Amino acid sequence: MGFQIGDKVIHCTHGLGEIVQIDHKIIRDRPTDCYVVRIQDMLIWIPIDDPQQQSLRLPAQPEEFVGFVCYLTSPGEQLQEDRLLRKDQLLTQMRDGQLASICRVVRDLTQFKRIKKLNDQESSILERATNSLLTEWSLSLGVSENQAQLAMTKLLEREGVYPHVRQEYQKGNDC
């Protein structure tokens, strides 16, 4: 996928950023064109020509984003009982960087937290996933992060707001 300078992008590890430049670097003794992405106070270089480059994606469009709301209200997937296997399971989903995976991590850890205390790593993963989701929610739907947080919390708590959200955001799309 070709990005342009000024494009907002989602990096699978670092979250929302912006392409600020296209730069020429020598990587492994080969000239390589790279996207220069500003993420908060940090610049990262992502090779353009790498066919395996899946670390960047465009933020979801509003109509695409609302389709992912269903993940937050659907039954969670079973997390591994062993904490190390559970950590690997969650980090694999986070590494994917896709919005569906981030929604699943938020949903599954939120549900898991209701029955068992999260360890420090799980809390950190949940915080990272939640921040990533809220940032994209805010950007995609043009709402404040506080509004996104409130809507997400209500969805995760299943306080009967899902039909309202579905009606307001999804405009008839089925989950």
N, C-alpha and C. Protein backbone atom coordinates (compact mmCIF):
# COMPACT_ATOMS: atom_id res chain seq x y z
N MET A 1 0.85 -1.18 0.00
CA MET A 1 0.00 0.00 0.00
C MET A 1 0.89 1.23 0.00
N GLY A 2 0.61 2.16 -0.88
CA GLY A 2 1.40 3.37 -0.95
C GLY A 2 0.82 4.48 -0.10
N PHE A 3 1.62 5.01 0.79
CA PHE A 3 1.20 6.12 1.63
C PHE A 3 1.83 7.40 1.10
N GLN A 4 1.23 8.51 1.45
CA GLN A 4 1.72 9.82 1.03
C GLN A 4 2.14 10.61 2.27
N ILE A 5 3.01 11.57 2.06
CA ILE A 5 3.37 12.48 3.15
C ILE A 5 2.09 13.17 3.63
N GLY A 6 1.91 13.20 4.94
CA GLY A 6 0.71 13.79 5.53
C GLY A 6 -0.35 12.78 5.91
N ASP A 7 -0.23 11.54 5.40
CA ASP A 7 -1.22 10.51 5.75
C ASP A 7 -1.13 10.14 7.22
N LYS A 8 -2.27 10.03 7.86
CA LYS A 8 -2.35 9.47 9.21
C LYS A 8 -2.29 7.95 9.03
N VAL A 9 -1.49 7.30 9.86
CA VAL A 9 -1.33 5.84 9.80
C VAL A 9 -1.36 5.26 11.20
N ILE A 10 -1.66 3.98 11.25
CA ILE A 10 -1.61 3.24 12.51
C ILE A 10 -0.44 2.28 12.42
N HIS A 11 0.50 2.41 13.35
CA HIS A 11 1.62 1.47 13.44
C HIS A 11 1.22 0.36 14.40
N CYS A 12 1.52 -0.88 14.04
CA CYS A 12 1.05 -2.02 14.83
C CYS A 12 1.55 -2.02 16.27
N THR A 13 2.66 -1.40 16.55
CA THR A 13 3.20 -1.37 17.91
C THR A 13 2.99 -0.02 18.59
N HIS A 14 3.19 1.05 17.85
CA HIS A 14 3.22 2.37 18.46
C HIS A 14 1.94 3.18 18.30
N GLY A 15 1.01 2.73 17.49
CA GLY A 15 -0.27 3.42 17.35
C GLY A 15 -0.28 4.49 16.28
N LEU A 16 -1.08 5.53 16.53
CA LEU A 16 -1.34 6.57 15.55
C LEU A 16 -0.11 7.43 15.30
N GLY A 17 0.16 7.65 14.02
CA GLY A 17 1.25 8.51 13.62
C GLY A 17 0.93 9.19 12.31
N GLU A 18 1.91 9.90 11.79
CA GLU A 18 1.74 10.59 10.52
C GLU A 18 3.01 10.43 9.70
N ILE A 19 2.83 10.17 8.40
CA ILE A 19 3.97 10.11 7.47
C ILE A 19 4.44 11.55 7.29
N VAL A 20 5.68 11.82 7.69
CA VAL A 20 6.20 13.19 7.60
C VAL A 20 7.24 13.36 6.50
N GLN A 21 7.73 12.22 6.00
CA GLN A 21 8.79 12.31 5.01
C GLN A 21 8.99 10.94 4.37
N ILE A 22 9.57 10.95 3.19
CA ILE A 22 10.06 9.71 2.59
C ILE A 22 11.57 9.91 2.47
N ASP A 23 12.32 8.99 3.05
CA ASP A 23 13.76 9.15 3.19
C ASP A 23 14.47 7.97 2.54
N HIS A 24 15.70 8.19 2.17
CA HIS A 24 16.53 7.15 1.57
C HIS A 24 17.56 6.71 2.61
N LYS A 25 17.57 5.44 2.96
CA LYS A 25 18.49 4.89 3.97
C LYS A 25 19.25 3.71 3.39
N ILE A 26 20.38 3.41 4.00
CA ILE A 26 21.11 2.18 3.68
C ILE A 26 20.78 1.19 4.79
N ILE A 27 20.10 0.10 4.42
CA ILE A 27 19.73 -0.94 5.37
C ILE A 27 20.28 -2.25 4.84
N ARG A 28 21.09 -2.90 5.68
CA ARG A 28 21.75 -4.16 5.29
C ARG A 28 22.52 -3.99 3.97
N ASP A 29 23.25 -2.87 3.91
CA ASP A 29 24.10 -2.54 2.76
C ASP A 29 23.33 -2.36 1.45
N ARG A 30 22.03 -2.09 1.55
CA ARG A 30 21.22 -1.86 0.36
C ARG A 30 20.48 -0.53 0.49
N PRO A 31 20.47 0.24 -0.58
CA PRO A 31 19.68 1.48 -0.53
C PRO A 31 18.19 1.14 -0.42
N THR A 32 17.52 1.83 0.50
CA THR A 32 16.12 1.54 0.77
C THR A 32 15.34 2.83 0.99
N ASP A 33 14.20 2.95 0.33
CA ASP A 33 13.32 4.08 0.59
C ASP A 33 12.45 3.73 1.80
N CYS A 34 12.28 4.70 2.69
CA CYS A 34 11.53 4.47 3.93
C CYS A 34 10.51 5.58 4.15
N TYR A 35 9.38 5.18 4.74
CA TYR A 35 8.45 6.17 5.28
C TYR A 35 9.03 6.62 6.61
N VAL A 36 9.03 7.92 6.84
CA VAL A 36 9.40 8.44 8.15
C VAL A 36 8.08 8.80 8.84
N VAL A 37 7.83 8.13 9.96
CA VAL A 37 6.56 8.27 10.66
C VAL A 37 6.81 8.93 12.01
N ARG A 38 6.08 10.03 12.26
CA ARG A 38 6.15 10.70 13.56
C ARG A 38 5.01 10.14 14.41
N ILE A 39 5.40 9.58 15.55
CA ILE A 39 4.45 9.06 16.53
C ILE A 39 4.79 9.74 17.85
N GLN A 40 3.96 10.67 18.25
CA GLN A 40 4.21 11.51 19.42
C GLN A 40 5.57 12.17 19.27
N ASP A 41 6.54 11.92 20.18
CA ASP A 41 7.86 12.58 20.11
C ASP A 41 8.88 11.73 19.37
N MET A 42 8.46 10.71 18.69
CA MET A 42 9.38 9.72 18.14
C MET A 42 9.26 9.68 16.61
N LEU A 43 10.38 9.43 15.96
CA LEU A 43 10.38 9.18 14.51
C LEU A 43 10.81 7.74 14.29
N ILE A 44 10.09 7.04 13.40
CA ILE A 44 10.50 5.69 13.03
C ILE A 44 10.56 5.61 11.50
N TRP A 45 11.44 4.75 11.01
CA TRP A 45 11.61 4.56 9.58
C TRP A 45 11.07 3.17 9.22
N ILE A 46 10.17 3.13 8.25
CA ILE A 46 9.56 1.88 7.81
C ILE A 46 9.89 1.70 6.33
N PRO A 47 10.62 0.63 5.97
CA PRO A 47 10.95 0.41 4.55
C PRO A 47 9.69 0.34 3.69
N ILE A 48 9.74 1.02 2.56
CA ILE A 48 8.59 1.07 1.65
C ILE A 48 8.49 -0.20 0.82
N ASP A 49 9.62 -0.68 0.33
CA ASP A 49 9.62 -1.77 -0.65
C ASP A 49 9.55 -3.16 -0.04
N ASP A 50 9.47 -3.26 1.28
CA ASP A 50 9.44 -4.56 1.93
C ASP A 50 8.07 -5.20 1.72
N PRO A 51 8.00 -6.33 0.98
CA PRO A 51 6.70 -6.97 0.73
C PRO A 51 6.05 -7.50 2.02
N GLN A 52 6.85 -7.69 3.06
CA GLN A 52 6.34 -8.16 4.35
C GLN A 52 5.86 -7.00 5.22
N GLN A 53 5.96 -5.76 4.72
CA GLN A 53 5.61 -4.58 5.51
C GLN A 53 4.12 -4.59 5.82
N GLN A 54 3.82 -4.95 7.03
CA GLN A 54 2.44 -4.92 7.49
C GLN A 54 2.34 -4.14 8.79
N SER A 55 3.37 -3.38 9.10
CA SER A 55 3.36 -2.66 10.36
C SER A 55 2.57 -1.36 10.28
N LEU A 56 2.26 -0.89 9.07
CA LEU A 56 1.48 0.34 8.91
C LEU A 56 0.17 0.04 8.21
N ARG A 57 -0.86 0.74 8.63
CA ARG A 57 -2.14 0.68 7.93
C ARG A 57 -2.83 2.02 8.10
N LEU A 58 -3.78 2.28 7.22
CA LEU A 58 -4.59 3.49 7.36
C LEU A 58 -5.59 3.29 8.49
N PRO A 59 -5.96 4.36 9.19
CA PRO A 59 -7.02 4.24 10.19
C PRO A 59 -8.33 3.82 9.51
N ALA A 60 -9.16 3.14 10.26
CA ALA A 60 -10.44 2.68 9.72
C ALA A 60 -11.32 3.88 9.38
N GLN A 61 -12.04 3.76 8.26
CA GLN A 61 -13.05 4.75 7.90
C GLN A 61 -14.24 4.58 8.84
N PRO A 62 -15.06 5.62 9.03
CA PRO A 62 -16.17 5.52 9.98
C PRO A 62 -17.06 4.30 9.75
N GLU A 63 -17.45 4.05 8.51
CA GLU A 63 -18.34 2.92 8.25
C GLU A 63 -17.65 1.58 8.51
N GLU A 64 -16.36 1.53 8.30
CA GLU A 64 -15.59 0.31 8.59
C GLU A 64 -15.41 0.16 10.10
N PHE A 65 -15.13 1.27 10.78
CA PHE A 65 -14.87 1.22 12.21
C PHE A 65 -16.07 0.69 12.98
N VAL A 66 -17.26 1.17 12.65
CA VAL A 66 -18.44 0.77 13.41
C VAL A 66 -18.71 -0.73 13.30
N GLY A 67 -18.25 -1.35 12.24
CA GLY A 67 -18.39 -2.80 12.13
C GLY A 67 -17.63 -3.54 13.20
N PHE A 68 -16.59 -2.91 13.74
CA PHE A 68 -15.78 -3.56 14.77
C PHE A 68 -16.38 -3.41 16.17
N VAL A 69 -17.37 -2.54 16.32
CA VAL A 69 -18.04 -2.38 17.61
C VAL A 69 -18.61 -3.72 18.06
N CYS A 70 -19.04 -4.54 17.12
CA CYS A 70 -19.62 -5.85 17.44
C CYS A 70 -18.66 -6.71 18.26
N TYR A 71 -17.36 -6.58 18.01
CA TYR A 71 -16.38 -7.37 18.76
C TYR A 71 -16.47 -7.07 20.27
N LEU A 72 -16.74 -5.82 20.61
CA LEU A 72 -16.77 -5.44 22.02
C LEU A 72 -17.99 -6.01 22.74
N THR A 73 -19.04 -6.28 22.01
CA THR A 73 -20.28 -6.77 22.63
C THR A 73 -20.47 -8.27 22.47
N SER A 74 -19.61 -8.90 21.70
CA SER A 74 -19.75 -10.34 21.47
C SER A 74 -19.10 -11.13 22.61
N PRO A 75 -19.48 -12.40 22.76
CA PRO A 75 -18.84 -13.22 23.81
C PRO A 75 -17.33 -13.30 23.56
N GLY A 76 -16.59 -13.25 24.64
CA GLY A 76 -15.13 -13.30 24.54
C GLY A 76 -14.61 -14.67 24.15
N GLU A 77 -13.39 -14.67 23.66
CA GLU A 77 -12.70 -15.91 23.35
C GLU A 77 -11.99 -16.39 24.62
N GLN A 78 -11.85 -17.68 24.75
CA GLN A 78 -11.18 -18.26 25.91
C GLN A 78 -9.70 -17.90 25.89
N LEU A 79 -9.24 -17.31 26.97
CA LEU A 79 -7.81 -17.04 27.11
C LEU A 79 -7.13 -18.24 27.74
N GLN A 80 -5.87 -18.42 27.42
CA GLN A 80 -5.10 -19.53 27.97
C GLN A 80 -5.09 -19.45 29.51
N GLU A 81 -5.12 -20.59 30.16
CA GLU A 81 -5.06 -20.63 31.62
C GLU A 81 -3.66 -20.27 32.12
N ASP A 82 -2.64 -20.79 31.47
CA ASP A 82 -1.27 -20.52 31.86
C ASP A 82 -0.93 -19.07 31.52
N ARG A 83 -0.39 -18.33 32.49
CA ARG A 83 -0.15 -16.89 32.29
C ARG A 83 0.85 -16.61 31.16
N LEU A 84 1.86 -17.47 30.99
CA LEU A 84 2.84 -17.24 29.92
C LEU A 84 2.22 -17.50 28.55
N LEU A 85 1.42 -18.55 28.45
CA LEU A 85 0.73 -18.83 27.19
C LEU A 85 -0.30 -17.74 26.89
N ARG A 86 -0.95 -17.24 27.94
CA ARG A 86 -1.93 -16.17 27.78
C ARG A 86 -1.25 -14.90 27.28
N LYS A 87 -0.09 -14.60 27.86
CA LYS A 87 0.67 -13.42 27.42
C LYS A 87 1.03 -13.55 25.95
N ASP A 88 1.53 -14.72 25.54
CA ASP A 88 1.88 -14.94 24.13
C ASP A 88 0.66 -14.80 23.23
N GLN A 89 -0.47 -15.33 23.67
CA GLN A 89 -1.72 -15.25 22.91
C GLN A 89 -2.10 -13.78 22.70
N LEU A 90 -2.04 -12.99 23.75
CA LEU A 90 -2.43 -11.58 23.66
C LEU A 90 -1.44 -10.77 22.83
N LEU A 91 -0.14 -11.01 23.04
CA LEU A 91 0.87 -10.26 22.29
C LEU A 91 0.83 -10.60 20.80
N THR A 92 0.51 -11.83 20.47
CA THR A 92 0.37 -12.20 19.06
C THR A 92 -0.75 -11.39 18.42
N GLN A 93 -1.86 -11.25 19.12
CA GLN A 93 -2.96 -10.44 18.60
C GLN A 93 -2.56 -8.98 18.48
N MET A 94 -1.86 -8.46 19.47
CA MET A 94 -1.45 -7.06 19.42
C MET A 94 -0.45 -6.81 18.30
N ARG A 95 0.46 -7.74 18.07
CA ARG A 95 1.46 -7.61 17.01
C ARG A 95 0.81 -7.51 15.64
N ASP A 96 -0.31 -8.17 15.50
CA ASP A 96 -1.06 -8.15 14.25
C ASP A 96 -1.42 -6.70 13.89
N GLY A 97 -1.76 -5.89 14.90
CA GLY A 97 -2.03 -4.48 14.68
C GLY A 97 -3.36 -4.15 14.04
N GLN A 98 -4.13 -5.15 13.70
CA GLN A 98 -5.42 -4.92 13.04
C GLN A 98 -6.47 -4.50 14.07
N LEU A 99 -7.40 -3.68 13.65
CA LEU A 99 -8.42 -3.17 14.56
C LEU A 99 -9.23 -4.29 15.20
N ALA A 100 -9.57 -5.32 14.44
CA ALA A 100 -10.33 -6.45 14.99
C ALA A 100 -9.55 -7.12 16.13
N SER A 101 -8.26 -7.28 15.95
CA SER A 101 -7.43 -7.92 16.98
C SER A 101 -7.36 -7.06 18.24
N ILE A 102 -7.24 -5.76 18.06
CA ILE A 102 -7.18 -4.85 19.20
C ILE A 102 -8.50 -4.89 19.97
N CYS A 103 -9.61 -4.89 19.24
CA CYS A 103 -10.93 -4.98 19.89
C CYS A 103 -11.06 -6.28 20.67
N ARG A 104 -10.58 -7.38 20.09
CA ARG A 104 -10.66 -8.67 20.79
C ARG A 104 -9.85 -8.66 22.08
N VAL A 105 -8.66 -8.08 22.03
CA VAL A 105 -7.82 -8.02 23.23
C VAL A 105 -8.51 -7.21 24.33
N VAL A 106 -9.07 -6.06 23.96
CA VAL A 106 -9.78 -5.23 24.95
C VAL A 106 -10.95 -6.02 25.53
N ARG A 107 -11.75 -6.62 24.67
CA ARG A 107 -12.92 -7.37 25.12
C ARG A 107 -12.52 -8.54 26.01
N ASP A 108 -11.55 -9.35 25.55
CA ASP A 108 -11.20 -10.56 26.28
C ASP A 108 -10.54 -10.26 27.62
N LEU A 109 -9.65 -9.27 27.67
CA LEU A 109 -9.03 -8.94 28.94
C LEU A 109 -10.01 -8.26 29.89
N THR A 110 -10.93 -7.48 29.36
CA THR A 110 -11.95 -6.86 30.21
C THR A 110 -12.83 -7.93 30.83
N GLN A 111 -13.23 -8.91 30.04
CA GLN A 111 -14.05 -10.00 30.57
C GLN A 111 -13.25 -10.86 31.55
N PHE A 112 -12.00 -11.13 31.23
CA PHE A 112 -11.13 -11.93 32.09
C PHE A 112 -10.95 -11.24 33.45
N LYS A 113 -10.83 -9.90 33.40
CA LYS A 113 -10.62 -9.10 34.62
C LYS A 113 -11.81 -9.20 35.57
N ARG A 114 -12.97 -9.51 35.05
CA ARG A 114 -14.16 -9.64 35.91
C ARG A 114 -14.11 -10.88 36.79
N ILE A 115 -13.34 -11.88 36.37
CA ILE A 115 -13.28 -13.12 37.15
C ILE A 115 -11.92 -13.35 37.80
N LYS A 116 -10.90 -12.68 37.32
CA LYS A 116 -9.57 -12.89 37.86
C LYS A 116 -8.77 -11.60 37.76
N LYS A 117 -7.96 -11.32 38.78
CA LYS A 117 -7.13 -10.11 38.77
C LYS A 117 -6.09 -10.22 37.66
N LEU A 118 -5.92 -9.15 36.90
CA LEU A 118 -4.90 -9.14 35.87
C LEU A 118 -3.52 -8.96 36.50
N ASN A 119 -2.52 -9.66 35.94
CA ASN A 119 -1.16 -9.41 36.40
C ASN A 119 -0.66 -8.13 35.73
N ASP A 120 0.54 -7.69 36.10
CA ASP A 120 1.07 -6.43 35.58
C ASP A 120 1.19 -6.43 34.06
N GLN A 121 1.64 -7.53 33.48
CA GLN A 121 1.78 -7.60 32.02
C GLN A 121 0.43 -7.51 31.33
N GLU A 122 -0.55 -8.21 31.87
CA GLU A 122 -1.89 -8.18 31.29
C GLU A 122 -2.50 -6.79 31.41
N SER A 123 -2.29 -6.14 32.55
CA SER A 123 -2.78 -4.77 32.73
C SER A 123 -2.13 -3.83 31.72
N SER A 124 -0.84 -4.01 31.49
CA SER A 124 -0.12 -3.19 30.52
C SER A 124 -0.64 -3.44 29.10
N ILE A 125 -0.87 -4.68 28.75
CA ILE A 125 -1.40 -5.02 27.42
C ILE A 125 -2.79 -4.41 27.25
N LEU A 126 -3.63 -4.53 28.28
CA LEU A 126 -4.98 -3.96 28.21
C LEU A 126 -4.91 -2.44 28.05
N GLU A 127 -4.04 -1.80 28.79
CA GLU A 127 -3.91 -0.35 28.69
C GLU A 127 -3.46 0.06 27.29
N ARG A 128 -2.46 -0.64 26.75
CA ARG A 128 -1.97 -0.33 25.40
C ARG A 128 -3.06 -0.54 24.36
N ALA A 129 -3.79 -1.66 24.46
CA ALA A 129 -4.86 -1.95 23.51
C ALA A 129 -5.98 -0.92 23.62
N THR A 130 -6.35 -0.58 24.84
CA THR A 130 -7.42 0.41 25.07
C THR A 130 -7.02 1.76 24.50
N ASN A 131 -5.81 2.21 24.78
CA ASN A 131 -5.35 3.50 24.25
C ASN A 131 -5.34 3.51 22.74
N SER A 132 -4.88 2.43 22.14
CA SER A 132 -4.86 2.33 20.69
C SER A 132 -6.27 2.38 20.12
N LEU A 133 -7.17 1.62 20.73
CA LEU A 133 -8.56 1.59 20.26
C LEU A 133 -9.22 2.96 20.40
N LEU A 134 -9.04 3.61 21.54
CA LEU A 134 -9.68 4.91 21.76
C LEU A 134 -9.13 5.99 20.83
N THR A 135 -7.84 5.93 20.55
CA THR A 135 -7.24 6.90 19.63
C THR A 135 -7.85 6.74 18.24
N GLU A 136 -7.94 5.50 17.78
CA GLU A 136 -8.50 5.27 16.45
C GLU A 136 -10.01 5.57 16.44
N TRP A 137 -10.71 5.23 17.51
CA TRP A 137 -12.14 5.50 17.63
C TRP A 137 -12.38 7.01 17.47
N SER A 138 -11.61 7.80 18.21
CA SER A 138 -11.73 9.24 18.18
C SER A 138 -11.47 9.79 16.78
N LEU A 139 -10.41 9.33 16.16
CA LEU A 139 -10.05 9.79 14.81
C LEU A 139 -11.09 9.35 13.78
N SER A 140 -11.46 8.09 13.81
CA SER A 140 -12.36 7.55 12.80
C SER A 140 -13.77 8.13 12.88
N LEU A 141 -14.28 8.31 14.09
CA LEU A 141 -15.66 8.76 14.25
C LEU A 141 -15.78 10.25 14.57
N GLY A 142 -14.64 10.92 14.70
CA GLY A 142 -14.66 12.36 14.94
C GLY A 142 -15.26 12.75 16.28
N VAL A 143 -14.97 11.93 17.30
CA VAL A 143 -15.44 12.23 18.65
C VAL A 143 -14.22 12.41 19.56
N SER A 144 -14.44 12.97 20.73
CA SER A 144 -13.32 13.12 21.67
C SER A 144 -12.97 11.75 22.24
N GLU A 145 -11.76 11.63 22.77
CA GLU A 145 -11.38 10.36 23.40
C GLU A 145 -12.24 10.08 24.62
N ASN A 146 -12.69 11.13 25.32
CA ASN A 146 -13.59 10.93 26.46
C ASN A 146 -14.92 10.34 26.01
N GLN A 147 -15.46 10.84 24.90
CA GLN A 147 -16.71 10.28 24.37
C GLN A 147 -16.51 8.84 23.94
N ALA A 148 -15.39 8.57 23.31
CA ALA A 148 -15.08 7.20 22.87
C ALA A 148 -14.95 6.28 24.09
N GLN A 149 -14.29 6.76 25.14
CA GLN A 149 -14.11 5.98 26.37
C GLN A 149 -15.46 5.64 26.99
N LEU A 150 -16.33 6.61 27.05
CA LEU A 150 -17.66 6.39 27.63
C LEU A 150 -18.45 5.36 26.81
N ALA A 151 -18.44 5.51 25.51
CA ALA A 151 -19.16 4.56 24.65
C ALA A 151 -18.57 3.16 24.76
N MET A 152 -17.24 3.07 24.77
CA MET A 152 -16.59 1.77 24.88
C MET A 152 -16.92 1.10 26.21
N THR A 153 -16.87 1.87 27.28
CA THR A 153 -17.17 1.32 28.61
C THR A 153 -18.59 0.78 28.66
N LYS A 154 -19.52 1.54 28.11
CA LYS A 154 -20.91 1.09 28.10
C LYS A 154 -21.07 -0.18 27.27
N LEU A 155 -20.39 -0.24 26.15
CA LEU A 155 -20.46 -1.45 25.31
C LEU A 155 -19.90 -2.66 26.05
N LEU A 156 -18.76 -2.46 26.70
CA LEU A 156 -18.13 -3.58 27.40
C LEU A 156 -18.94 -4.01 28.62
N GLU A 157 -19.67 -3.07 29.22
CA GLU A 157 -20.50 -3.41 30.37
C GLU A 157 -21.86 -3.96 29.94
N ARG A 158 -22.17 -3.81 28.67
CA ARG A 158 -23.44 -4.31 28.11
C ARG A 158 -24.64 -3.77 28.87
N GLU A 159 -24.66 -2.46 29.01
CA GLU A 159 -25.75 -1.82 29.76
C GLU A 159 -26.94 -1.47 28.87
N GLY A 160 -27.18 -2.29 27.87
CA GLY A 160 -28.34 -2.06 27.03
C GLY A 160 -28.18 -0.92 26.04
N VAL A 161 -26.95 -0.43 25.86
CA VAL A 161 -26.77 0.67 24.91
C VAL A 161 -26.43 0.16 23.52
N TYR A 162 -26.18 -1.12 23.38
CA TYR A 162 -25.77 -1.63 22.07
C TYR A 162 -26.78 -1.31 20.98
N PRO A 163 -28.08 -1.51 21.19
CA PRO A 163 -29.01 -1.16 20.11
C PRO A 163 -28.90 0.31 19.71
N HIS A 164 -28.70 1.19 20.70
CA HIS A 164 -28.55 2.61 20.41
C HIS A 164 -27.29 2.87 19.59
N VAL A 165 -26.18 2.27 20.00
CA VAL A 165 -24.92 2.45 19.28
C VAL A 165 -25.04 1.87 17.88
N ARG A 166 -25.64 0.70 17.80
CA ARG A 166 -25.81 0.06 16.50
C ARG A 166 -26.61 0.97 15.58
N GLN A 167 -27.69 1.54 16.11
CA GLN A 167 -28.54 2.40 15.32
C GLN A 167 -27.79 3.67 14.92
N GLU A 168 -27.09 4.26 15.89
CA GLU A 168 -26.42 5.53 15.64
C GLU A 168 -25.21 5.37 14.73
N TYR A 169 -24.37 4.38 15.00
CA TYR A 169 -23.11 4.25 14.28
C TYR A 169 -23.19 3.31 13.08
N GLN A 170 -23.94 2.24 13.18
CA GLN A 170 -23.86 1.23 12.15
C GLN A 170 -24.84 1.41 11.01
N LYS A 171 -25.87 2.16 11.22
CA LYS A 171 -26.83 2.44 10.16
C LYS A 171 -27.29 1.16 9.47
N GLY A 172 -27.64 0.17 10.29
CA GLY A 172 -28.24 -1.04 9.74
C GLY A 172 -27.30 -2.17 9.45
N ASN A 173 -26.00 -2.00 9.58
CA ASN A 173 -25.07 -3.11 9.34
C ASN A 173 -25.24 -4.17 10.42
N ASP A 174 -25.25 -5.41 10.05
CA ASP A 174 -25.35 -6.49 11.03
C ASP A 174 -23.98 -6.85 11.57
N CYS A 175 -23.97 -7.32 12.82
CA CYS A 175 -22.70 -7.73 13.44
C CYS A 175 -22.34 -9.10 12.94
